[in-house]
């Protein structure tokens, strides 16, 4: 029987990684990182699902061990994904709501350390990144976009202003 971390989420759903599988990398969270995953699920994901009428929301990324983060060229060595504090959510996968809907629900109703409107357009992000760290309700709200730097695309972050 697979371990459930919250009402609607199993451990495998927040540790799955195509990159880890392809490269043979271990993406098993430490007990501390697993506890962090439980907190972000209990404090953000489950209240979000309830608030959105219990419609399914796809978790495209949860935990990424450091080796997996490096292999995927994750945002930074200090990524909240590496400590189990973050989830990337995609409502568009199942339909019935949009990524914009879940972004604004989190922004207006839940505590978080970081919320990012990831790429997309001004009307809907490609996905939503959210980080929850117990005791940190700083609510840093950002928008990610791609910019060319020395002829290469580079991710940039600005304060959310849409």
N, C-alpha and C. Protein backbone atom coordinates (compact mmCIF):
# COMPACT_ATOMS: atom_id res chain seq x y z
N UNK A 1 0.85 -1.18 0.00
CA UNK A 1 0.00 0.00 0.00
C UNK A 1 0.89 1.24 0.00
N UNK A 2 0.64 2.11 -0.94
CA UNK A 2 1.47 3.30 -1.05
C UNK A 2 1.10 4.35 -0.01
N UNK A 3 2.10 5.02 0.50
CA UNK A 3 1.91 6.03 1.53
C UNK A 3 1.18 7.25 0.97
N UNK A 4 0.15 7.68 1.71
CA UNK A 4 -0.56 8.92 1.37
C UNK A 4 0.00 10.02 2.25
N UNK A 5 0.27 11.18 1.64
CA UNK A 5 0.77 12.32 2.40
C UNK A 5 -0.36 13.25 2.83
N UNK A 6 -1.48 13.17 2.10
CA UNK A 6 -2.66 13.97 2.44
C UNK A 6 -3.89 13.24 1.92
N UNK A 7 -5.04 13.82 2.10
CA UNK A 7 -6.29 13.18 1.69
C UNK A 7 -6.27 12.73 0.23
N UNK A 8 -5.75 13.58 -0.66
CA UNK A 8 -5.82 13.31 -2.09
C UNK A 8 -4.50 13.01 -2.77
N UNK A 9 -3.40 12.97 -2.02
CA UNK A 9 -2.09 12.87 -2.68
C UNK A 9 -1.22 11.77 -2.06
N UNK A 10 -0.69 10.93 -2.95
CA UNK A 10 0.25 9.88 -2.56
C UNK A 10 1.68 10.39 -2.72
N UNK A 11 2.60 9.79 -1.98
CA UNK A 11 4.01 10.17 -2.04
C UNK A 11 4.53 10.14 -3.48
N UNK A 12 4.17 9.12 -4.25
CA UNK A 12 4.69 9.00 -5.62
C UNK A 12 4.27 10.17 -6.51
N UNK A 13 3.13 10.79 -6.20
CA UNK A 13 2.65 11.92 -7.02
C UNK A 13 3.49 13.17 -6.85
N UNK A 14 4.17 13.31 -5.72
CA UNK A 14 4.99 14.50 -5.48
C UNK A 14 6.48 14.22 -5.58
N UNK A 15 6.83 12.98 -5.93
CA UNK A 15 8.25 12.65 -6.12
C UNK A 15 8.54 12.12 -7.52
N UNK A 16 7.49 11.97 -8.33
CA UNK A 16 7.70 11.45 -9.68
C UNK A 16 8.59 12.41 -10.47
N UNK A 17 9.44 11.84 -11.30
CA UNK A 17 10.32 12.67 -12.12
C UNK A 17 10.78 11.86 -13.31
N UNK A 18 10.41 12.33 -14.49
CA UNK A 18 10.85 11.68 -15.72
C UNK A 18 12.38 11.72 -15.82
N UNK A 19 12.95 12.85 -15.44
CA UNK A 19 14.41 13.02 -15.49
C UNK A 19 15.09 12.03 -14.55
N UNK A 20 14.59 11.89 -13.34
CA UNK A 20 15.18 10.94 -12.38
C UNK A 20 15.12 9.53 -12.93
N UNK A 21 13.99 9.16 -13.51
CA UNK A 21 13.84 7.82 -14.09
C UNK A 21 14.81 7.59 -15.24
N UNK A 22 14.88 8.57 -16.14
CA UNK A 22 15.75 8.43 -17.31
C UNK A 22 17.23 8.36 -16.94
N UNK A 23 17.63 9.12 -15.91
CA UNK A 23 19.04 9.17 -15.52
C UNK A 23 19.39 8.24 -14.37
N UNK A 24 18.41 7.53 -13.85
CA UNK A 24 18.66 6.62 -12.75
C UNK A 24 18.98 7.33 -11.44
N UNK A 25 18.39 8.50 -11.23
CA UNK A 25 18.65 9.28 -10.02
C UNK A 25 17.61 8.97 -8.95
N UNK A 26 18.06 8.88 -7.72
CA UNK A 26 17.16 8.66 -6.59
C UNK A 26 16.48 9.98 -6.25
N UNK A 27 15.16 9.98 -6.18
CA UNK A 27 14.42 11.19 -5.83
C UNK A 27 13.58 10.95 -4.58
N UNK A 28 14.15 10.22 -3.64
CA UNK A 28 13.47 9.93 -2.38
C UNK A 28 13.71 11.06 -1.39
N UNK A 29 12.66 11.66 -0.87
CA UNK A 29 12.85 12.74 0.10
C UNK A 29 13.34 12.22 1.45
N UNK A 30 14.08 13.07 2.15
CA UNK A 30 14.47 12.75 3.52
C UNK A 30 13.22 12.83 4.39
N UNK A 31 13.26 12.30 5.60
CA UNK A 31 12.08 12.44 6.48
C UNK A 31 11.68 13.91 6.69
N UNK A 32 12.66 14.80 6.80
CA UNK A 32 12.36 16.23 6.97
C UNK A 32 11.67 16.78 5.72
N UNK A 33 12.17 16.41 4.55
CA UNK A 33 11.57 16.90 3.30
C UNK A 33 10.16 16.33 3.11
N UNK A 34 9.97 15.08 3.53
CA UNK A 34 8.63 14.47 3.45
C UNK A 34 7.66 15.22 4.37
N UNK A 35 8.12 15.60 5.55
CA UNK A 35 7.29 16.37 6.48
C UNK A 35 6.93 17.72 5.87
N UNK A 36 7.87 18.34 5.16
CA UNK A 36 7.60 19.61 4.49
C UNK A 36 6.55 19.43 3.39
N UNK A 37 6.66 18.33 2.63
CA UNK A 37 5.66 18.04 1.60
C UNK A 37 4.27 17.92 2.21
N UNK A 38 4.17 17.22 3.34
CA UNK A 38 2.88 17.07 4.01
C UNK A 38 2.31 18.44 4.39
N UNK A 39 3.17 19.34 4.85
CA UNK A 39 2.69 20.67 5.27
C UNK A 39 2.18 21.49 4.09
N UNK A 40 2.89 21.46 2.96
CA UNK A 40 2.41 22.23 1.80
C UNK A 40 1.12 21.61 1.26
N UNK A 41 1.00 20.31 1.33
CA UNK A 41 -0.23 19.65 0.88
C UNK A 41 -1.40 20.00 1.82
N UNK A 42 -1.16 19.93 3.12
CA UNK A 42 -2.22 20.18 4.10
C UNK A 42 -2.62 21.65 4.17
N UNK A 43 -1.68 22.56 3.95
CA UNK A 43 -1.94 23.98 4.13
C UNK A 43 -2.27 24.73 2.84
N UNK A 44 -1.91 24.15 1.70
CA UNK A 44 -2.20 24.81 0.42
C UNK A 44 -3.02 23.91 -0.50
N UNK A 45 -2.49 22.74 -0.83
CA UNK A 45 -3.13 21.91 -1.85
C UNK A 45 -4.54 21.47 -1.45
N UNK A 46 -4.68 20.89 -0.28
CA UNK A 46 -6.00 20.38 0.12
C UNK A 46 -7.02 21.51 0.31
N UNK A 47 -6.66 22.64 0.97
CA UNK A 47 -7.62 23.74 1.03
C UNK A 47 -7.96 24.32 -0.35
N UNK A 48 -6.99 24.33 -1.25
CA UNK A 48 -7.25 24.78 -2.62
C UNK A 48 -8.26 23.86 -3.30
N UNK A 49 -8.05 22.55 -3.21
CA UNK A 49 -9.00 21.60 -3.82
C UNK A 49 -10.39 21.78 -3.26
N UNK A 50 -10.48 21.89 -1.95
CA UNK A 50 -11.79 22.08 -1.32
C UNK A 50 -12.42 23.38 -1.80
N UNK A 51 -11.65 24.45 -1.82
CA UNK A 51 -12.14 25.75 -2.24
C UNK A 51 -12.57 25.80 -3.70
N UNK A 52 -12.00 24.91 -4.50
CA UNK A 52 -12.34 24.86 -5.93
C UNK A 52 -13.34 23.74 -6.23
N UNK A 53 -14.07 23.31 -5.22
CA UNK A 53 -15.13 22.33 -5.43
C UNK A 53 -14.64 20.90 -5.59
N UNK A 54 -13.47 20.60 -5.03
CA UNK A 54 -12.86 19.25 -5.08
C UNK A 54 -12.57 18.77 -6.48
N UNK A 55 -12.37 19.70 -7.40
CA UNK A 55 -11.96 19.32 -8.76
C UNK A 55 -10.49 18.90 -8.71
N UNK A 56 -10.10 17.92 -9.53
CA UNK A 56 -8.70 17.48 -9.51
C UNK A 56 -7.76 18.56 -10.04
N UNK A 57 -6.59 18.63 -9.42
CA UNK A 57 -5.53 19.56 -9.82
C UNK A 57 -4.26 18.75 -9.97
N UNK A 58 -3.65 18.84 -11.13
CA UNK A 58 -2.44 18.08 -11.43
C UNK A 58 -1.23 18.70 -10.75
N UNK A 59 -0.44 17.86 -10.08
CA UNK A 59 0.83 18.29 -9.51
C UNK A 59 1.91 17.90 -10.52
N UNK A 60 2.41 18.88 -11.25
CA UNK A 60 3.42 18.58 -12.28
C UNK A 60 4.81 18.45 -11.69
N UNK A 61 5.04 19.04 -10.54
CA UNK A 61 6.33 18.92 -9.86
C UNK A 61 6.13 19.14 -8.38
N UNK A 62 6.77 18.29 -7.60
CA UNK A 62 6.77 18.45 -6.15
C UNK A 62 8.21 18.44 -5.69
N UNK A 63 8.60 17.36 -5.05
CA UNK A 63 9.96 17.24 -4.54
C UNK A 63 10.96 16.96 -5.66
N UNK A 64 12.08 17.66 -5.62
CA UNK A 64 13.22 17.39 -6.50
C UNK A 64 14.47 17.38 -5.65
N UNK A 65 15.07 16.21 -5.50
CA UNK A 65 16.35 16.15 -4.82
C UNK A 65 17.37 17.00 -5.56
N UNK A 66 18.46 17.34 -4.90
CA UNK A 66 19.46 18.24 -5.51
C UNK A 66 19.98 17.72 -6.85
N UNK A 67 20.25 16.43 -6.95
CA UNK A 67 20.76 15.88 -8.21
C UNK A 67 19.72 16.01 -9.32
N UNK A 68 18.47 15.77 -8.99
CA UNK A 68 17.39 15.90 -9.98
C UNK A 68 17.22 17.37 -10.36
N UNK A 69 17.28 18.26 -9.38
CA UNK A 69 17.16 19.69 -9.65
C UNK A 69 18.26 20.17 -10.59
N UNK A 70 19.48 19.72 -10.36
CA UNK A 70 20.60 20.09 -11.24
C UNK A 70 20.39 19.53 -12.65
N UNK A 71 19.94 18.29 -12.73
CA UNK A 71 19.74 17.65 -14.04
C UNK A 71 18.62 18.33 -14.83
N UNK A 72 17.61 18.85 -14.14
CA UNK A 72 16.51 19.52 -14.83
C UNK A 72 16.78 21.01 -15.01
N UNK A 73 17.94 21.44 -14.54
CA UNK A 73 18.29 22.87 -14.58
C UNK A 73 17.24 23.68 -13.84
N UNK A 74 16.90 23.19 -12.62
CA UNK A 74 15.93 23.88 -11.77
C UNK A 74 16.35 25.31 -11.49
N UNK A 75 15.41 26.10 -11.03
CA UNK A 75 15.61 27.54 -10.87
C UNK A 75 16.88 27.91 -10.11
N UNK A 76 17.18 27.20 -9.06
CA UNK A 76 18.40 27.53 -8.30
C UNK A 76 18.73 26.40 -7.35
N UNK A 77 19.90 26.50 -6.76
CA UNK A 77 20.32 25.50 -5.78
C UNK A 77 19.51 25.63 -4.50
N UNK A 78 18.84 26.77 -4.32
CA UNK A 78 18.03 26.98 -3.12
C UNK A 78 16.53 26.83 -3.41
N UNK A 79 16.19 26.13 -4.47
CA UNK A 79 14.79 25.94 -4.86
C UNK A 79 13.99 25.32 -3.72
N UNK A 80 12.79 25.86 -3.50
CA UNK A 80 11.89 25.28 -2.51
C UNK A 80 11.53 23.84 -2.85
N UNK A 81 11.64 23.44 -4.11
CA UNK A 81 11.37 22.05 -4.49
C UNK A 81 12.37 21.10 -3.83
N UNK A 82 13.60 21.54 -3.63
CA UNK A 82 14.66 20.69 -3.08
C UNK A 82 14.47 20.40 -1.59
N UNK A 83 13.61 21.17 -0.93
CA UNK A 83 13.37 20.94 0.49
C UNK A 83 11.95 20.43 0.75
N UNK A 84 11.19 20.20 -0.32
CA UNK A 84 9.82 19.70 -0.17
C UNK A 84 8.81 20.77 0.20
N UNK A 85 9.17 22.03 0.05
CA UNK A 85 8.26 23.12 0.40
C UNK A 85 7.39 23.60 -0.77
N UNK A 86 7.61 23.09 -1.99
CA UNK A 86 6.92 23.67 -3.15
C UNK A 86 6.22 22.63 -4.02
N UNK A 87 5.20 23.12 -4.70
CA UNK A 87 4.47 22.34 -5.70
C UNK A 87 4.28 23.20 -6.94
N UNK A 88 4.32 22.58 -8.10
CA UNK A 88 3.91 23.21 -9.34
C UNK A 88 2.57 22.58 -9.70
N UNK A 89 1.57 23.42 -9.90
CA UNK A 89 0.20 22.96 -10.11
C UNK A 89 -0.29 23.34 -11.50
N UNK A 90 -1.07 22.45 -12.11
CA UNK A 90 -1.59 22.71 -13.44
C UNK A 90 -3.04 22.27 -13.51
N UNK A 91 -3.95 23.22 -13.38
CA UNK A 91 -5.38 22.92 -13.44
C UNK A 91 -5.84 22.64 -14.86
N UNK A 92 -5.12 23.16 -15.83
CA UNK A 92 -5.54 23.00 -17.23
C UNK A 92 -5.54 21.54 -17.68
N UNK A 93 -4.78 20.68 -17.02
CA UNK A 93 -4.68 19.27 -17.41
C UNK A 93 -6.04 18.59 -17.34
N UNK A 94 -6.79 18.83 -16.28
CA UNK A 94 -8.06 18.15 -16.08
C UNK A 94 -9.27 18.99 -16.51
N UNK A 95 -9.09 20.28 -16.69
CA UNK A 95 -10.19 21.15 -17.07
C UNK A 95 -11.11 21.48 -15.91
N UNK A 96 -12.13 22.26 -16.20
CA UNK A 96 -13.09 22.65 -15.17
C UNK A 96 -12.68 23.91 -14.43
N UNK A 97 -11.43 24.30 -14.55
CA UNK A 97 -10.92 25.54 -13.98
C UNK A 97 -9.62 25.85 -14.70
N UNK A 98 -9.09 27.02 -14.47
CA UNK A 98 -7.85 27.43 -15.14
C UNK A 98 -6.74 27.62 -14.12
N UNK A 99 -5.54 27.74 -14.63
CA UNK A 99 -4.41 28.05 -13.76
C UNK A 99 -4.58 29.43 -13.13
N UNK A 100 -5.18 30.33 -13.87
CA UNK A 100 -5.48 31.66 -13.32
C UNK A 100 -6.40 31.53 -12.11
N UNK A 101 -7.42 30.66 -12.21
CA UNK A 101 -8.34 30.44 -11.09
C UNK A 101 -7.60 29.99 -9.84
N UNK A 102 -6.71 29.00 -9.99
CA UNK A 102 -6.03 28.50 -8.80
C UNK A 102 -5.01 29.51 -8.28
N UNK A 103 -4.37 30.27 -9.17
CA UNK A 103 -3.43 31.29 -8.74
C UNK A 103 -4.14 32.30 -7.83
N UNK A 104 -5.27 32.84 -8.31
CA UNK A 104 -5.97 33.85 -7.54
C UNK A 104 -6.61 33.28 -6.28
N UNK A 105 -7.03 32.01 -6.31
CA UNK A 105 -7.58 31.43 -5.09
C UNK A 105 -6.50 31.38 -4.02
N UNK A 106 -5.32 30.90 -4.38
CA UNK A 106 -4.22 30.84 -3.41
C UNK A 106 -3.87 32.25 -2.94
N UNK A 107 -3.70 33.16 -3.89
CA UNK A 107 -3.30 34.54 -3.56
C UNK A 107 -4.27 35.20 -2.58
N UNK A 108 -5.55 35.00 -2.79
CA UNK A 108 -6.57 35.69 -2.01
C UNK A 108 -7.04 34.97 -0.75
N UNK A 109 -6.73 33.67 -0.62
CA UNK A 109 -7.32 32.90 0.47
C UNK A 109 -6.36 32.12 1.35
N UNK A 110 -5.14 31.88 0.91
CA UNK A 110 -4.26 30.97 1.64
C UNK A 110 -2.94 31.64 2.02
N UNK A 111 -2.29 31.08 3.02
CA UNK A 111 -0.96 31.55 3.39
C UNK A 111 0.06 30.82 2.53
N UNK A 112 1.12 31.53 2.16
CA UNK A 112 2.20 30.94 1.38
C UNK A 112 3.45 31.79 1.55
N UNK A 113 4.58 31.19 1.25
CA UNK A 113 5.85 31.92 1.25
C UNK A 113 6.11 32.52 -0.13
N UNK A 114 5.72 31.77 -1.17
CA UNK A 114 6.01 32.19 -2.54
C UNK A 114 4.93 31.68 -3.48
N UNK A 115 4.49 32.54 -4.38
CA UNK A 115 3.50 32.18 -5.39
C UNK A 115 3.97 32.78 -6.71
N UNK A 116 4.07 31.93 -7.74
CA UNK A 116 4.59 32.42 -9.02
C UNK A 116 3.65 32.07 -10.17
N UNK A 117 3.29 33.10 -10.93
CA UNK A 117 2.56 32.97 -12.19
C UNK A 117 3.62 32.58 -13.21
N UNK A 118 3.68 31.32 -13.59
CA UNK A 118 4.78 30.80 -14.41
C UNK A 118 4.47 30.92 -15.91
N UNK A 119 5.17 31.84 -16.55
CA UNK A 119 5.13 32.03 -18.00
C UNK A 119 3.70 32.20 -18.48
N UNK A 120 3.33 31.62 -19.61
CA UNK A 120 1.99 31.76 -20.15
C UNK A 120 1.74 33.15 -20.70
N UNK A 121 0.51 33.61 -20.51
CA UNK A 121 0.09 34.92 -21.01
C UNK A 121 -0.41 35.77 -19.85
N UNK A 122 -0.83 36.98 -20.15
CA UNK A 122 -1.39 37.82 -19.10
C UNK A 122 -2.77 37.33 -18.66
N UNK A 123 -3.38 36.42 -19.42
CA UNK A 123 -4.69 35.91 -19.03
C UNK A 123 -4.63 34.53 -18.36
N UNK A 124 -3.53 33.80 -18.47
CA UNK A 124 -3.43 32.48 -17.83
C UNK A 124 -1.97 32.02 -17.82
N UNK A 125 -1.46 31.63 -16.64
CA UNK A 125 -0.10 31.10 -16.60
C UNK A 125 -0.05 29.68 -17.15
N UNK A 126 1.15 29.25 -17.56
CA UNK A 126 1.32 27.86 -18.01
C UNK A 126 1.14 26.90 -16.83
N UNK A 127 1.58 27.30 -15.65
CA UNK A 127 1.38 26.55 -14.42
C UNK A 127 1.56 27.51 -13.26
N UNK A 128 1.25 27.05 -12.05
CA UNK A 128 1.36 27.86 -10.84
C UNK A 128 2.34 27.18 -9.89
N UNK A 129 3.32 27.95 -9.45
CA UNK A 129 4.28 27.47 -8.45
C UNK A 129 3.87 28.06 -7.11
N UNK A 130 3.80 27.22 -6.08
CA UNK A 130 3.49 27.71 -4.74
C UNK A 130 4.41 27.04 -3.73
N UNK A 131 4.91 27.84 -2.79
CA UNK A 131 5.76 27.31 -1.72
C UNK A 131 5.13 27.68 -0.38
N UNK A 132 5.15 26.73 0.53
CA UNK A 132 4.65 26.94 1.88
C UNK A 132 5.76 26.54 2.85
N UNK A 133 6.12 27.47 3.71
CA UNK A 133 7.10 27.21 4.76
C UNK A 133 6.44 27.61 6.07
N UNK A 134 6.31 26.65 6.97
CA UNK A 134 5.63 26.94 8.23
C UNK A 134 6.25 28.16 8.91
N UNK A 135 5.38 29.10 9.29
CA UNK A 135 5.84 30.32 9.96
C UNK A 135 6.24 31.44 9.01
N UNK A 136 6.27 31.17 7.71
CA UNK A 136 6.64 32.19 6.72
C UNK A 136 5.42 32.53 5.89
N UNK A 137 4.78 33.63 6.22
CA UNK A 137 3.61 34.08 5.47
C UNK A 137 3.96 35.35 4.69
N UNK A 138 5.17 35.39 4.14
CA UNK A 138 5.65 36.58 3.45
C UNK A 138 4.88 36.88 2.17
N UNK A 139 4.25 35.86 1.60
CA UNK A 139 3.42 36.01 0.41
C UNK A 139 4.14 36.74 -0.73
N UNK A 140 5.36 36.32 -1.00
CA UNK A 140 6.07 36.86 -2.16
C UNK A 140 5.34 36.38 -3.41
N UNK A 141 4.86 37.31 -4.21
CA UNK A 141 4.03 36.98 -5.37
C UNK A 141 4.74 37.50 -6.61
N UNK A 142 5.10 36.57 -7.51
CA UNK A 142 5.94 36.89 -8.65
C UNK A 142 5.34 36.42 -9.96
N UNK A 143 5.90 36.93 -11.05
CA UNK A 143 5.58 36.45 -12.39
C UNK A 143 6.89 36.06 -13.05
N UNK A 144 6.93 34.88 -13.64
CA UNK A 144 8.12 34.41 -14.35
C UNK A 144 7.93 34.62 -15.84
N UNK A 145 9.00 35.06 -16.49
CA UNK A 145 8.97 35.21 -17.94
C UNK A 145 10.35 34.90 -18.48
N UNK A 146 10.43 34.67 -19.76
CA UNK A 146 11.69 34.33 -20.41
C UNK A 146 12.23 35.56 -21.13
N UNK A 147 13.54 35.76 -20.99
CA UNK A 147 14.21 36.88 -21.63
C UNK A 147 15.51 36.36 -22.25
N UNK A 148 15.91 36.95 -23.34
CA UNK A 148 17.16 36.54 -23.99
C UNK A 148 18.34 37.26 -23.32
N UNK A 149 19.31 36.48 -22.88
CA UNK A 149 20.54 37.03 -22.30
C UNK A 149 21.71 36.38 -23.03
N UNK A 150 22.49 37.21 -23.70
CA UNK A 150 23.62 36.72 -24.51
C UNK A 150 23.17 35.65 -25.50
N UNK A 151 21.99 35.87 -26.09
CA UNK A 151 21.48 34.95 -27.10
C UNK A 151 20.86 33.68 -26.57
N UNK A 152 20.72 33.56 -25.24
CA UNK A 152 20.13 32.36 -24.63
C UNK A 152 18.92 32.77 -23.80
N UNK A 153 17.86 31.93 -23.81
CA UNK A 153 16.70 32.26 -22.98
C UNK A 153 17.04 32.11 -21.49
N UNK A 154 16.61 33.07 -20.70
CA UNK A 154 16.87 33.05 -19.26
C UNK A 154 15.57 33.40 -18.55
N UNK A 155 15.26 32.68 -17.49
CA UNK A 155 14.07 32.96 -16.72
C UNK A 155 14.32 34.17 -15.82
N UNK A 156 13.36 35.08 -15.85
CA UNK A 156 13.41 36.28 -15.02
C UNK A 156 12.15 36.31 -14.16
N UNK A 157 12.27 36.93 -12.99
CA UNK A 157 11.14 37.05 -12.07
C UNK A 157 10.93 38.51 -11.72
N UNK A 158 9.67 38.94 -11.75
CA UNK A 158 9.30 40.29 -11.35
C UNK A 158 8.13 40.20 -10.39
N UNK A 159 7.94 41.25 -9.60
CA UNK A 159 6.77 41.27 -8.72
C UNK A 159 5.51 41.15 -9.57
N UNK A 160 4.56 40.39 -9.05
CA UNK A 160 3.33 40.16 -9.79
C UNK A 160 2.56 41.45 -9.93
N UNK A 161 2.13 41.76 -11.15
CA UNK A 161 1.45 43.02 -11.41
C UNK A 161 0.27 42.89 -12.36
N UNK A 162 -0.25 41.71 -12.56
CA UNK A 162 -1.37 41.53 -13.50
C UNK A 162 -2.70 41.68 -12.78
